[in-house]
Amino acid sequence: MFSHIMLGADDIPAAKKFYDATLGALGYDEGIIDEKGRIFYMTPTGIFAITKPLDGASATGGNGSTIGFAAKNTEEADAWHAAGLANGGSTCEDPPGVRNGALGDLYLAYLRDPAGNKICTLKRM
């Protein structure tokens, strides 16, 4: 459905450290920085990118926004969460675990990245 997702960050080195660690825990390669200083994580199905805001204003986390990354299993989701906490992220929501909902049981782990963006991993049970 998506070709790419791009988030804003004021501190690109901190964002790269955080996303290299968290996405690495999900099996992805390190991000590539282009000539404009943006970070790209290339996958066969889409691109995840980080950039300083083009308007020159400060990056802010989108209120009500969450970006979800798929985890292969609960151990991978837990490793993602631990990598995020160890690399400048902060926990938010409930601790990682199973949540019951209309879409079935989901294993979820939530973080805020160093710029305040809310992200999670999800494993359908």
PDB file of N, CA and C in Angstrom:
ATOM      1  N   MET A   1       0.803  -1.190   0.000  1.00  0.00           N
ATOM      2  CA  MET A   1       0.000   0.000   0.000  1.00  0.00           C
ATOM      3  C   MET A   1       0.852   1.262   0.000  1.00  0.00           C
ATOM      4  N   PHE A   2       1.978   1.248   0.697  1.00  0.00           N
ATOM      5  CA  PHE A   2       2.806   2.444   0.795  1.00  0.00           C
ATOM      6  C   PHE A   2       4.099   2.276   0.005  1.00  0.00           C
ATOM      7  N   SER A   3       4.516   3.350  -0.657  1.00  0.00           N
ATOM      8  CA  SER A   3       5.812   3.329  -1.330  1.00  0.00           C
ATOM      9  C   SER A   3       6.922   3.702  -0.353  1.00  0.00           C
ATOM     10  N   HIS A   4       6.586   4.637   0.565  1.00  0.00           N
ATOM     11  CA  HIS A   4       7.574   5.065   1.554  1.00  0.00           C
ATOM     12  C   HIS A   4       6.874   5.783   2.702  1.00  0.00           C
ATOM     13  N   ILE A   5       7.596   5.869   3.803  1.00  0.00           N
ATOM     14  CA  ILE A   5       7.187   6.660   4.961  1.00  0.00           C
ATOM     15  C   ILE A   5       8.396   7.487   5.349  1.00  0.00           C
ATOM     16  N   MET A   6       8.186   8.785   5.589  1.00  0.00           N
ATOM     17  CA  MET A   6       9.276   9.671   5.989  1.00  0.00           C
ATOM     18  C   MET A   6       8.872  10.391   7.267  1.00  0.00           C
ATOM     19  N   LEU A   7       9.770  10.390   8.251  1.00  0.00           N
ATOM     20  CA  LEU A   7       9.569  11.099   9.507  1.00  0.00           C
ATOM     21  C   LEU A   7      10.599  12.203   9.642  1.00  0.00           C
ATOM     22  N   GLY A   8      10.246  13.215  10.406  1.00  0.00           N
ATOM     23  CA  GLY A   8      11.170  14.307  10.666  1.00  0.00           C
ATOM     24  C   GLY A   8      11.985  14.076  11.913  1.00  0.00           C
ATOM     25  N   ALA A   9      13.206  14.610  11.903  1.00  0.00           N
ATOM     26  CA  ALA A   9      14.096  14.571  13.070  1.00  0.00           C
ATOM     27  C   ALA A   9      15.040  15.752  12.992  1.00  0.00           C
ATOM     28  N   ASP A  10      15.318  16.369  14.122  1.00  0.00           N
ATOM     29  CA  ASP A  10      16.270  17.473  14.155  1.00  0.00           C
ATOM     30  C   ASP A  10      17.707  16.980  14.266  1.00  0.00           C
ATOM     31  N   ASP A  11      17.903  15.867  14.946  1.00  0.00           N
ATOM     32  CA  ASP A  11      19.242  15.311  15.177  1.00  0.00           C
ATOM     33  C   ASP A  11      19.385  14.036  14.338  1.00  0.00           C
ATOM     34  N   ILE A  12      19.907  14.194  13.135  1.00  0.00           N
ATOM     35  CA  ILE A  12      20.016  13.065  12.204  1.00  0.00           C
ATOM     36  C   ILE A  12      20.964  11.983  12.743  1.00  0.00           C
ATOM     37  N   PRO A  13      22.132  12.309  13.315  1.00  0.00           N
ATOM     38  CA  PRO A  13      22.976  11.242  13.868  1.00  0.00           C
ATOM     39  C   PRO A  13      22.276  10.439  14.975  1.00  0.00           C
ATOM     40  N   ALA A  14      21.520  11.107  15.857  1.00  0.00           N
ATOM     41  CA  ALA A  14      20.793  10.385  16.909  1.00  0.00           C
ATOM     42  C   ALA A  14      19.703   9.510  16.301  1.00  0.00           C
ATOM     43  N   ALA A  15      19.025  10.020  15.284  1.00  0.00           N
ATOM     44  CA  ALA A  15      17.988   9.235  14.611  1.00  0.00           C
ATOM     45  C   ALA A  15      18.594   8.013  13.936  1.00  0.00           C
ATOM     46  N   LYS A  16      19.747   8.192  13.285  1.00  0.00           N
ATOM     47  CA  LYS A  16      20.387   7.059  12.600  1.00  0.00           C
ATOM     48  C   LYS A  16      20.809   5.998  13.611  1.00  0.00           C
ATOM     49  N   LYS A  17      21.396   6.416  14.730  1.00  0.00           N
ATOM     50  CA  LYS A  17      21.796   5.462  15.765  1.00  0.00           C
ATOM     51  C   LYS A  17      20.582   4.673  16.254  1.00  0.00           C
ATOM     52  N   PHE A  18      19.482   5.374  16.536  1.00  0.00           N
ATOM     53  CA  PHE A  18      18.263   4.747  17.040  1.00  0.00           C
ATOM     54  C   PHE A  18      17.676   3.784  16.009  1.00  0.00           C
ATOM     55  N   TYR A  19      17.484   4.236  14.777  1.00  0.00           N
ATOM     56  CA  TYR A  19      16.843   3.383  13.773  1.00  0.00           C
ATOM     57  C   TYR A  19      17.765   2.281  13.252  1.00  0.00           C
ATOM     58  N   ASP A  20      19.062   2.509  13.197  1.00  0.00           N
ATOM     59  CA  ASP A  20      19.971   1.400  12.851  1.00  0.00           C
ATOM     60  C   ASP A  20      19.819   0.283  13.882  1.00  0.00           C
ATOM     61  N   ALA A  21      19.707   0.647  15.162  1.00  0.00           N
ATOM     62  CA  ALA A  21      19.588  -0.361  16.222  1.00  0.00           C
ATOM     63  C   ALA A  21      18.221  -1.042  16.198  1.00  0.00           C
ATOM     64  N   THR A  22      17.147  -0.250  16.138  1.00  0.00           N
ATOM     65  CA  THR A  22      15.810  -0.852  16.208  1.00  0.00           C
ATOM     66  C   THR A  22      15.475  -1.631  14.942  1.00  0.00           C
ATOM     67  N   LEU A  23      15.761  -1.060  13.790  1.00  0.00           N
ATOM     68  CA  LEU A  23      15.468  -1.783  12.552  1.00  0.00           C
ATOM     69  C   LEU A  23      16.434  -2.943  12.354  1.00  0.00           C
ATOM     70  N   GLY A  24      17.650  -2.811  12.874  1.00  0.00           N
ATOM     71  CA  GLY A  24      18.596  -3.933  12.851  1.00  0.00           C
ATOM     72  C   GLY A  24      18.063  -5.112  13.645  1.00  0.00           C
ATOM     73  N   ALA A  25      17.373  -4.838  14.764  1.00  0.00           N
ATOM     74  CA  ALA A  25      16.775  -5.914  15.557  1.00  0.00           C
ATOM     75  C   ALA A  25      15.677  -6.638  14.788  1.00  0.00           C
ATOM     76  N   LEU A  26      15.115  -5.979  13.773  1.00  0.00           N
ATOM     77  CA  LEU A  26      14.092  -6.603  12.921  1.00  0.00           C
ATOM     78  C   LEU A  26      14.696  -7.222  11.664  1.00  0.00           C
ATOM     79  N   GLY A  27      16.021  -7.154  11.541  1.00  0.00           N
ATOM     80  CA  GLY A  27      16.703  -7.801  10.420  1.00  0.00           C
ATOM     81  C   GLY A  27      17.017  -6.909   9.236  1.00  0.00           C
ATOM     82  N   TYR A  28      16.887  -5.588   9.395  1.00  0.00           N
ATOM     83  CA  TYR A  28      17.157  -4.679   8.283  1.00  0.00           C
ATOM     84  C   TYR A  28      18.575  -4.122   8.350  1.00  0.00           C
ATOM     85  N   ASP A  29      19.113  -3.771   7.185  1.00  0.00           N
ATOM     86  CA  ASP A  29      20.449  -3.182   7.094  1.00  0.00           C
ATOM     87  C   ASP A  29      20.448  -1.754   7.633  1.00  0.00           C
ATOM     88  N   GLU A  30      21.654  -1.252   7.926  1.00  0.00           N
ATOM     89  CA  GLU A  30      21.815   0.133   8.358  1.00  0.00           C
ATOM     90  C   GLU A  30      21.275   1.085   7.304  1.00  0.00           C
ATOM     91  N   GLY A  31      20.837   2.251   7.774  1.00  0.00           N
ATOM     92  CA  GLY A  31      20.354   3.271   6.864  1.00  0.00           C
ATOM     93  C   GLY A  31      21.477   3.890   6.058  1.00  0.00           C
ATOM     94  N   ILE A  32      21.116   4.395   4.898  1.00  0.00           N
ATOM     95  CA  ILE A  32      22.054   5.064   3.997  1.00  0.00           C
ATOM     96  C   ILE A  32      21.741   6.549   4.023  1.00  0.00           C
ATOM     97  N   ILE A  33      22.760   7.370   4.218  1.00  0.00           N
ATOM     98  CA  ILE A  33      22.571   8.823   4.218  1.00  0.00           C
ATOM     99  C   ILE A  33      22.872   9.350   2.823  1.00  0.00           C
ATOM    100  N   ASP A  34      21.916  10.115   2.266  1.00  0.00           N
ATOM    101  CA  ASP A  34      22.107  10.667   0.923  1.00  0.00           C
ATOM    102  C   ASP A  34      22.802  12.026   0.986  1.00  0.00           C
ATOM    103  N   GLU A  35      22.996  12.641  -0.165  1.00  0.00           N
ATOM    104  CA  GLU A  35      23.721  13.905  -0.262  1.00  0.00           C
ATOM    105  C   GLU A  35      22.994  15.054   0.427  1.00  0.00           C
ATOM    106  N   LYS A  36      21.704  14.915   0.699  1.00  0.00           N
ATOM    107  CA  LYS A  36      20.936  15.948   1.394  1.00  0.00           C
ATOM    108  C   LYS A  36      20.861  15.698   2.897  1.00  0.00           C
ATOM    109  N   GLY A  37      21.532  14.644   3.383  1.00  0.00           N
ATOM    110  CA  GLY A  37      21.556  14.344   4.803  1.00  0.00           C
ATOM    111  C   GLY A  37      20.359  13.551   5.296  1.00  0.00           C
ATOM    112  N   ARG A  38      19.561  13.004   4.389  1.00  0.00           N
ATOM    113  CA  ARG A  38      18.408  12.182   4.763  1.00  0.00           C
ATOM    114  C   ARG A  38      18.862  10.731   4.930  1.00  0.00           C
ATOM    115  N   ILE A  39      18.184   9.990   5.787  1.00  0.00           N
ATOM    116  CA  ILE A  39      18.501   8.577   6.014  1.00  0.00           C
ATOM    117  C   ILE A  39      17.441   7.736   5.320  1.00  0.00           C
ATOM    118  N   PHE A  40      17.882   6.699   4.598  1.00  0.00           N
ATOM    119  CA  PHE A  40      16.961   5.796   3.910  1.00  0.00           C
ATOM    120  C   PHE A  40      17.235   4.353   4.310  1.00  0.00           C
ATOM    121  N   TYR A  41      16.154   3.651   4.636  1.00  0.00           N
ATOM    122  CA  TYR A  41      16.190   2.214   4.906  1.00  0.00           C
ATOM    123  C   TYR A  41      15.399   1.561   3.771  1.00  0.00           C
ATOM    124  N   MET A  42      16.107   0.893   2.886  1.00  0.00           N
ATOM    125  CA  MET A  42      15.505   0.320   1.680  1.00  0.00           C
ATOM    126  C   MET A  42      15.106  -1.133   1.949  1.00  0.00           C
ATOM    127  N   THR A  43      13.896  -1.494   1.529  1.00  0.00           N
ATOM    128  CA  THR A  43      13.436  -2.878   1.636  1.00  0.00           C
ATOM    129  C   THR A  43      12.816  -3.270   0.295  1.00  0.00           C
ATOM    130  N   PRO A  44      12.587  -4.535   0.060  1.00  0.00           N
ATOM    131  CA  PRO A  44      11.948  -4.952  -1.192  1.00  0.00           C
ATOM    132  C   PRO A  44      10.519  -4.424  -1.354  1.00  0.00           C
ATOM    133  N   THR A  45       9.877  -4.049  -0.255  1.00  0.00           N
ATOM    134  CA  THR A  45       8.480  -3.628  -0.339  1.00  0.00           C
ATOM    135  C   THR A  45       8.242  -2.155  -0.052  1.00  0.00           C
ATOM    136  N   GLY A  46       9.262  -1.414   0.308  1.00  0.00           N
ATOM    137  CA  GLY A  46       9.077   0.006   0.588  1.00  0.00           C
ATOM    138  C   GLY A  46      10.304   0.627   1.218  1.00  0.00           C
ATOM    139  N   ILE A  47      10.202   1.908   1.467  1.00  0.00           N
ATOM    140  CA  ILE A  47      11.314   2.690   2.008  1.00  0.00           C
ATOM    141  C   ILE A  47      10.852   3.404   3.269  1.00  0.00           C
ATOM    142  N   PHE A  48      11.707   3.388   4.289  1.00  0.00           N
ATOM    143  CA  PHE A  48      11.492   4.177   5.495  1.00  0.00           C
ATOM    144  C   PHE A  48      12.601   5.221   5.512  1.00  0.00           C
ATOM    145  N   ALA A  49      12.241   6.495   5.731  1.00  0.00           N
ATOM    146  CA  ALA A  49      13.228   7.570   5.645  1.00  0.00           C
ATOM    147  C   ALA A  49      13.064   8.563   6.795  1.00  0.00           C
ATOM    148  N   ILE A  50      14.169   9.239   7.106  1.00  0.00           N
ATOM    149  CA  ILE A  50      14.226  10.279   8.132  1.00  0.00           C
ATOM    150  C   ILE A  50      14.854  11.515   7.496  1.00  0.00           C
ATOM    151  N   THR A  51      14.287  12.680   7.785  1.00  0.00           N
ATOM    152  CA  THR A  51      14.821  13.924   7.244  1.00  0.00           C
ATOM    153  C   THR A  51      14.627  15.066   8.225  1.00  0.00           C
ATOM    154  N   LYS A  52      15.456  16.090   8.120  1.00  0.00           N
ATOM    155  CA  LYS A  52      15.165  17.341   8.810  1.00  0.00           C
ATOM    156  C   LYS A  52      13.985  17.966   8.073  1.00  0.00           C
ATOM    157  N   PRO A  53      13.072  18.618   8.786  1.00  0.00           N
ATOM    158  CA  PRO A  53      11.936  19.236   8.103  1.00  0.00           C
ATOM    159  C   PRO A  53      12.395  20.240   7.038  1.00  0.00           C
ATOM    160  N   LEU A  54      11.780  20.157   5.876  1.00  0.00           N
ATOM    161  CA  LEU A  54      12.172  21.016   4.761  1.00  0.00           C
ATOM    162  C   LEU A  54      11.819  22.479   4.990  1.00  0.00           C
ATOM    163  N   ASP A  55      10.847  22.759   5.853  1.00  0.00           N
ATOM    164  CA  ASP A  55      10.445  24.139   6.096  1.00  0.00           C
ATOM    165  C   ASP A  55      11.351  24.859   7.091  1.00  0.00           C
ATOM    166  N   GLY A  56      12.354  24.138   7.638  1.00  0.00           N
ATOM    167  CA  GLY A  56      13.291  24.744   8.578  1.00  0.00           C
ATOM    168  C   GLY A  56      12.795  24.781  10.010  1.00  0.00           C
ATOM    169  N   ALA A  57      11.533  24.448  10.244  1.00  0.00           N
ATOM    170  CA  ALA A  57      10.996  24.417  11.608  1.00  0.00           C
ATOM    171  C   ALA A  57      11.475  23.135  12.304  1.00  0.00           C
ATOM    172  N   SER A  58      11.272  23.076  13.604  1.00  0.00           N
ATOM    173  CA  SER A  58      11.669  21.898  14.371  1.00  0.00           C
ATOM    174  C   SER A  58      10.765  20.714  14.045  1.00  0.00           C
ATOM    175  N   ALA A  59      11.351  19.528  14.089  1.00  0.00           N
ATOM    176  CA  ALA A  59      10.579  18.300  13.926  1.00  0.00           C
ATOM    177  C   ALA A  59       9.753  18.069  15.182  1.00  0.00           C
ATOM    178  N   THR A  60       8.559  17.566  15.004  1.00  0.00           N
ATOM    179  CA  THR A  60       7.699  17.224  16.134  1.00  0.00           C
ATOM    180  C   THR A  60       7.037  15.882  15.856  1.00  0.00           C
ATOM    181  N   GLY A  61       6.748  15.142  16.932  1.00  0.00           N
ATOM    182  CA  GLY A  61       6.005  13.897  16.784  1.00  0.00           C
ATOM    183  C   GLY A  61       4.558  14.214  16.456  1.00  0.00           C
ATOM    184  N   GLY A  62       3.990  13.499  15.503  1.00  0.00           N
ATOM    185  CA  GLY A  62       2.601  13.728  15.116  1.00  0.00           C
ATOM    186  C   GLY A  62       1.648  13.270  16.206  1.00  0.00           C
ATOM    187  N   ASN A  63       0.844  14.171  16.745  1.00  0.00           N
ATOM    188  CA  ASN A  63      -0.113  13.827  17.783  1.00  0.00           C
ATOM    189  C   ASN A  63      -1.183  12.910  17.201  1.00  0.00           C
ATOM    190  N   GLY A  64      -1.260  11.695  17.704  1.00  0.00           N
ATOM    191  CA  GLY A  64      -2.209  10.715  17.185  1.00  0.00           C
ATOM    192  C   GLY A  64      -1.625   9.819  16.107  1.00  0.00           C
ATOM    193  N   SER A  65      -0.381  10.043  15.738  1.00  0.00           N
ATOM    194  CA  SER A  65       0.263   9.251  14.688  1.00  0.00           C
ATOM    195  C   SER A  65       1.101   8.132  15.298  1.00  0.00           C
ATOM    196  N   THR A  66       1.101   6.979  14.642  1.00  0.00           N
ATOM    197  CA  THR A  66       1.971   5.863  15.013  1.00  0.00           C
ATOM    198  C   THR A  66       2.412   5.172  13.739  1.00  0.00           C
ATOM    199  N   ILE A  67       3.686   4.854  13.645  1.00  0.00           N
ATOM    200  CA  ILE A  67       4.221   4.042  12.552  1.00  0.00           C
ATOM    201  C   ILE A  67       4.469   2.657  13.133  1.00  0.00           C
ATOM    202  N   GLY A  68       3.931   1.614  12.499  1.00  0.00           N
ATOM    203  CA  GLY A  68       4.086   0.250  12.985  1.00  0.00           C
ATOM    204  C   GLY A  68       4.990  -0.568  12.086  1.00  0.00           C
ATOM    205  N   PHE A  69       5.930  -1.284  12.691  1.00  0.00           N
ATOM    206  CA  PHE A  69       6.831  -2.180  11.979  1.00  0.00           C
ATOM    207  C   PHE A  69       6.448  -3.621  12.315  1.00  0.00           C
ATOM    208  N   ALA A  70       6.451  -4.481  11.322  1.00  0.00           N
ATOM    209  CA  ALA A  70       6.102  -5.893  11.530  1.00  0.00           C
ATOM    210  C   ALA A  70       7.262  -6.635  12.181  1.00  0.00           C
ATOM    211  N   ALA A  71       6.940  -7.449  13.171  1.00  0.00           N
ATOM    212  CA  ALA A  71       7.917  -8.334  13.813  1.00  0.00           C
ATOM    213  C   ALA A  71       7.588  -9.770  13.427  1.00  0.00           C
ATOM    214  N   LYS A  72       8.629 -10.577  13.242  1.00  0.00           N
ATOM    215  CA  LYS A  72       8.433 -11.988  12.877  1.00  0.00           C
ATOM    216  C   LYS A  72       7.943 -12.817  14.061  1.00  0.00           C
ATOM    217  N   ASN A  73       8.313 -12.390  15.275  1.00  0.00           N
ATOM    218  CA  ASN A  73       7.923 -13.121  16.477  1.00  0.00           C
ATOM    219  C   ASN A  73       8.034 -12.178  17.675  1.00  0.00           C
ATOM    220  N   THR A  74       7.594 -12.646  18.834  1.00  0.00           N
ATOM    221  CA  THR A  74       7.601 -11.788  20.018  1.00  0.00           C
ATOM    222  C   THR A  74       9.022 -11.490  20.498  1.00  0.00           C
ATOM    223  N   GLU A  75       9.937 -12.429  20.293  1.00  0.00           N
ATOM    224  CA  GLU A  75      11.332 -12.194  20.690  1.00  0.00           C
ATOM    225  C   GLU A  75      11.938 -11.052  19.880  1.00  0.00           C
ATOM    226  N   GLU A  76      11.616 -10.999  18.596  1.00  0.00           N
ATOM    227  CA  GLU A  76      12.117  -9.917  17.748  1.00  0.00           C
ATOM    228  C   GLU A  76      11.521  -8.577  18.191  1.00  0.00           C
ATOM    229  N   ALA A  77      10.242  -8.571  18.537  1.00  0.00           N
ATOM    230  CA  ALA A  77       9.603  -7.347  19.037  1.00  0.00           C
ATOM    231  C   ALA A  77      10.264  -6.878  20.331  1.00  0.00           C
ATOM    232  N   ASP A  78      10.563  -7.818  21.225  1.00  0.00           N
ATOM    233  CA  ASP A  78      11.230  -7.461  22.479  1.00  0.00           C
ATOM    234  C   ASP A  78      12.642  -6.942  22.233  1.00  0.00           C
ATOM    235  N   ALA A  79      13.365  -7.546  21.287  1.00  0.00           N
ATOM    236  CA  ALA A  79      14.716  -7.079  20.945  1.00  0.00           C
ATOM    237  C   ALA A  79      14.657  -5.681  20.350  1.00  0.00           C
ATOM    238  N   TRP A  80      13.650  -5.414  19.529  1.00  0.00           N
ATOM    239  CA  TRP A  80      13.434  -4.087  18.940  1.00  0.00           C
ATOM    240  C   TRP A  80      13.227  -3.058  20.052  1.00  0.00           C
ATOM    241  N   HIS A  81      12.377  -3.389  21.014  1.00  0.00           N
ATOM    242  CA  HIS A  81      12.076  -2.483  22.116  1.00  0.00           C
ATOM    243  C   HIS A  81      13.327  -2.207  22.949  1.00  0.00           C
ATOM    244  N   ALA A  82      14.066  -3.249  23.280  1.00  0.00           N
ATOM    245  CA  ALA A  82      15.293  -3.091  24.073  1.00  0.00           C
ATOM    246  C   ALA A  82      16.328  -2.263  23.318  1.00  0.00           C
ATOM    247  N   ALA A  83      16.472  -2.498  22.015  1.00  0.00           N
ATOM    248  CA  ALA A  83      17.428  -1.718  21.207  1.00  0.00           C
ATOM    249  C   ALA A  83      17.040  -0.246  21.196  1.00  0.00           C
ATOM    250  N   GLY A  84      15.754   0.018  21.112  1.00  0.00           N
ATOM    251  CA  GLY A  84      15.295   1.404  21.125  1.00  0.00           C
ATOM    252  C   GLY A  84      15.598   2.107  22.433  1.00  0.00           C
ATOM    253  N   LEU A  85      15.333   1.442  23.541  1.00  0.00           N
ATOM    254  CA  LEU A  85      15.615   2.041  24.848  1.00  0.00           C
ATOM    255  C   LEU A  85      17.105   2.275  25.042  1.00  0.00           C
ATOM    256  N   ALA A  86      17.936   1.383  24.523  1.00  0.00           N
ATOM    257  CA  ALA A  86      19.390   1.503  24.664  1.00  0.00           C
ATOM    258  C   ALA A  86      19.996   2.531  23.720  1.00  0.00           C
ATOM    259  N   ASN A  87      19.194   3.045  22.772  1.00  0.00           N
ATOM    260  CA  ASN A  87      19.749   3.950  21.761  1.00  0.00           C
ATOM    261  C   ASN A  87      18.964   5.253  21.629  1.00  0.00           C
ATOM    262  N   GLY A  88      18.495   5.763  22.751  1.00  0.00           N
ATOM    263  CA  GLY A  88      17.908   7.095  22.770  1.00  0.00           C
ATOM    264  C   GLY A  88      16.398   7.160  22.712  1.00  0.00           C
ATOM    265  N   GLY A  89      15.720   6.018  22.642  1.00  0.00           N
ATOM    266  CA  GLY A  89      14.261   6.021  22.629  1.00  0.00           C
ATOM    267  C   GLY A  89      13.701   5.994  24.037  1.00  0.00           C
ATOM    268  N   SER A  90      12.410   6.213  24.138  1.00  0.00           N
ATOM    269  CA  SER A  90      11.738   6.135  25.433  1.00  0.00           C
ATOM    270  C   SER A  90      10.472   5.305  25.287  1.00  0.00           C
ATOM    271  N   THR A  91      10.119   4.628  26.357  1.00  0.00           N
ATOM    272  CA  THR A  91       8.945   3.775  26.315  1.00  0.00           C
ATOM    273  C   THR A  91       7.685   4.624  26.398  1.00  0.00           C
ATOM    274  N   CYS A  92       6.636   4.133  25.815  1.00  0.00           N
ATOM    275  CA  CYS A  92       5.330   4.769  25.917  1.00  0.00           C
ATOM    276  C   CYS A  92       4.281   3.675  25.831  1.00  0.00           C
ATOM    277  N   GLU A  93       3.063   4.003  26.184  1.00  0.00           N
ATOM    278  CA  GLU A  93       1.982   3.023  26.232  1.00  0.00           C
ATOM    279  C   GLU A  93       2.296   1.973  27.306  1.00  0.00           C
ATOM    280  N   ASP A  94       1.646   0.827  27.212  1.00  0.00           N
ATOM    281  CA  ASP A  94       1.879  -0.276  28.146  1.00  0.00           C
ATOM    282  C   ASP A  94       3.174  -0.986  27.788  1.00  0.00           C
ATOM    283  N   PRO A  95       3.727  -1.801  28.703  1.00  0.00           N
ATOM    284  CA  PRO A  95       4.913  -2.587  28.362  1.00  0.00           C
ATOM    285  C   PRO A  95       4.617  -3.535  27.203  1.00  0.00           C
ATOM    286  N   PRO A  96       5.651  -3.996  26.493  1.00  0.00           N
ATOM    287  CA  PRO A  96       5.424  -4.950  25.404  1.00  0.00           C
ATOM    288  C   PRO A  96       4.614  -6.147  25.889  1.00  0.00           C
ATOM    289  N   GLY A  97       3.665  -6.570  25.060  1.00  0.00           N
ATOM    290  CA  GLY A  97       2.865  -7.726  25.432  1.00  0.00           C
ATOM    291  C   GLY A  97       1.662  -7.899  24.528  1.00  0.00           C
ATOM    292  N   VAL A  98       0.870  -8.917  24.834  1.00  0.00           N
ATOM    293  CA  VAL A  98      -0.313  -9.251  24.047  1.00  0.00           C
ATOM    294  C   VAL A  98      -1.457  -8.319  24.432  1.00  0.00           C
ATOM    295  N   ARG A  99      -2.129  -7.825  23.413  1.00  0.00           N
ATOM    296  CA  ARG A  99      -3.332  -7.016  23.616  1.00  0.00           C
ATOM    297  C   ARG A  99      -4.452  -7.649  22.820  1.00  0.00           C
ATOM    298  N   ASN A 100      -5.610  -7.697  23.439  1.00  0.00           N
ATOM    299  CA  ASN A 100      -6.777  -8.277  22.790  1.00  0.00           C
ATOM    300  C   ASN A 100      -7.611  -7.162  22.194  1.00  0.00           C
ATOM    301  N   GLY A 101      -8.084  -7.385  20.955  1.00  0.00           N
ATOM    302  CA  GLY A 101      -8.910  -6.377  20.317  1.00  0.00           C
ATOM    303  C   GLY A 101      -9.778  -6.974  19.233  1.00  0.00           C
ATOM    304  N   ALA A 102     -10.507  -6.114  18.568  1.00  0.00           N
ATOM    305  CA  ALA A 102     -11.423  -6.540  17.512  1.00  0.00           C
ATOM    306  C   ALA A 102     -10.707  -7.235  16.366  1.00  0.00           C
ATOM    307  N   LEU A 103      -9.417  -6.932  16.180  1.00  0.00           N
ATOM    308  CA  LEU A 103      -8.640  -7.543  15.094  1.00  0.00           C
ATOM    309  C   LEU A 103      -7.924  -8.815  15.552  1.00  0.00           C
ATOM    310  N   GLY A 104      -8.236  -9.286  16.748  1.00  0.00           N
ATOM    311  CA  GLY A 104      -7.584 -10.475  17.281  1.00  0.00           C
ATOM    312  C   GLY A 104      -6.492 -10.100  18.258  1.00  0.00           C
ATOM    313  N   ASP A 105      -5.762 -11.105  18.713  1.00  0.00           N
ATOM    314  CA  ASP A 105      -4.675 -10.883  19.652  1.00  0.00           C
ATOM    315  C   ASP A 105      -3.436 -10.388  18.911  1.00  0.00           C
ATOM    316  N   LEU A 106      -2.858  -9.317  19.437  1.00  0.00           N
ATOM    317  CA  LEU A 106      -1.666  -8.714  18.851  1.00  0.00           C
ATOM    318  C   LEU A 106      -0.600  -8.586  19.927  1.00  0.00           C
ATOM    319  N   TYR A 107       0.649  -8.862  19.576  1.00  0.00           N
ATOM    320  CA  TYR A 107       1.768  -8.576  20.461  1.00  0.00           C
ATOM    321  C   TYR A 107       2.317  -7.233  20.022  1.00  0.00           C
ATOM    322  N   LEU A 108       2.301  -6.246  20.909  1.00  0.00           N
ATOM    323  CA  LEU A 108       2.708  -4.885  20.576  1.00  0.00           C
ATOM    324  C   LEU A 108       3.794  -4.386  21.521  1.00  0.00           C
ATOM    325  N   ALA A 109       4.704  -3.595  20.982  1.00  0.00           N
ATOM    326  CA  ALA A 109       5.724  -2.907  21.768  1.00  0.00           C
ATOM    327  C   ALA A 109       5.833  -1.493  21.210  1.00  0.00           C
ATOM    328  N   TYR A 110       5.726  -0.497  22.072  1.00  0.00           N
ATOM    329  CA  TYR A 110       5.720   0.906  21.657  1.00  0.00           C
ATOM    330  C   TYR A 110       6.948   1.651  22.166  1.00  0.00           C
ATOM    331  N   LEU A 111       7.402   2.610  21.362  1.00  0.00           N
ATOM    332  CA  LEU A 111       8.495   3.516  21.726  1.00  0.00           C
ATOM    333  C   LEU A 111       8.229   4.900  21.151  1.00  0.00           C
ATOM    334  N   ARG A 112       8.910   5.875  21.704  1.00  0.00           N
ATOM    335  CA  ARG A 112       9.068   7.183  21.059  1.00  0.00           C
ATOM    336  C   ARG A 112      10.526   7.266  20.642  1.00  0.00           C
ATOM    337  N   ASP A 113      10.753   7.669  19.390  1.00  0.00           N
ATOM    338  CA  ASP A 113      12.129   7.818  18.919  1.00  0.00           C
ATOM    339  C   ASP A 113      12.719   9.093  19.506  1.00  0.00           C
ATOM    340  N   PRO A 114      14.009   9.387  19.276  1.00  0.00           N
ATOM    341  CA  PRO A 114      14.612  10.579  19.878  1.00  0.00           C
ATOM    342  C   PRO A 114      13.930  11.892  19.489  1.00  0.00           C
ATOM    343  N   ALA A 115      13.202  11.930  18.359  1.00  0.00           N
ATOM    344  CA  ALA A 115      12.495  13.144  17.948  1.00  0.00           C
ATOM    345  C   ALA A 115      11.066  13.188  18.483  1.00  0.00           C
ATOM    346  N   GLY A 116      10.639  12.144  19.185  1.00  0.00           N
ATOM    347  CA  GLY A 116       9.295  12.116  19.751  1.00  0.00           C
ATOM    348  C   GLY A 116       8.254  11.415  18.901  1.00  0.00           C
ATOM    349  N   ASN A 117       8.661  10.847  17.764  1.00  0.00           N
ATOM    350  CA  ASN A 117       7.728  10.104  16.928  1.00  0.00           C
ATOM    351  C   ASN A 117       7.341   8.804  17.614  1.00  0.00           C
ATOM    352  N   LYS A 118       6.054   8.471  17.585  1.00  0.00           N
ATOM    353  CA  LYS A 118       5.570   7.238  18.205  1.00  0.00           C
ATOM    354  C   LYS A 118       5.630   6.113  17.177  1.00  0.00           C
ATOM    355  N   ILE A 119       6.313   5.020  17.554  1.00  0.00           N
ATOM    356  CA  ILE A 119       6.470   3.874  16.668  1.00  0.00           C
ATOM    357  C   ILE A 119       6.187   2.602  17.459  1.00  0.00           C
ATOM    358  N   CYS A 120       5.930   1.515  16.749  1.00  0.00           N
ATOM    359  CA  CYS A 120       5.692   0.255  17.444  1.00  0.00           C
ATOM    360  C   CYS A 120       6.102  -0.911  16.554  1.00  0.00           C
ATOM    361  N   THR A 121       6.200  -2.073  17.182  1.00  0.00           N
ATOM    362  CA  THR A 121       6.287  -3.330  16.444  1.00  0.00           C
ATOM    363  C   THR A 121       5.029  -4.108  16.754  1.00  0.00           C
ATOM    364  N   LEU A 122       4.627  -4.940  15.792  1.00  0.00           N
ATOM    365  CA  LEU A 122       3.396  -5.704  15.914  1.00  0.00           C
ATOM    366  C   LEU A 122       3.618  -7.106  15.389  1.00  0.00           C
ATOM    367  N   LYS A 123       3.165  -8.070  16.151  1.00  0.00           N
ATOM    368  CA  LYS A 123       3.140  -9.474  15.729  1.00  0.00           C
ATOM    369  C   LYS A 123       1.722  -9.976  15.951  1.00  0.00           C
ATOM    370  N   ARG A 124       1.061 -10.397  14.884  1.00  0.00           N
ATOM    371  CA  ARG A 124      -0.275 -10.990  15.022  1.00  0.00           C
ATOM    372  C   ARG A 124      -0.111 -12.369  15.628  1.00  0.00           C
ATOM    373  N   MET A 125      -0.897 -12.666  16.664  1.00  0.00           N
ATOM    374  CA  MET A 125      -0.770 -13.929  17.377  1.00  0.00           C
ATOM    375  C   MET A 125      -1.583 -15.020  16.681  1.00  0.00           C
TER     376      MET A 125
END
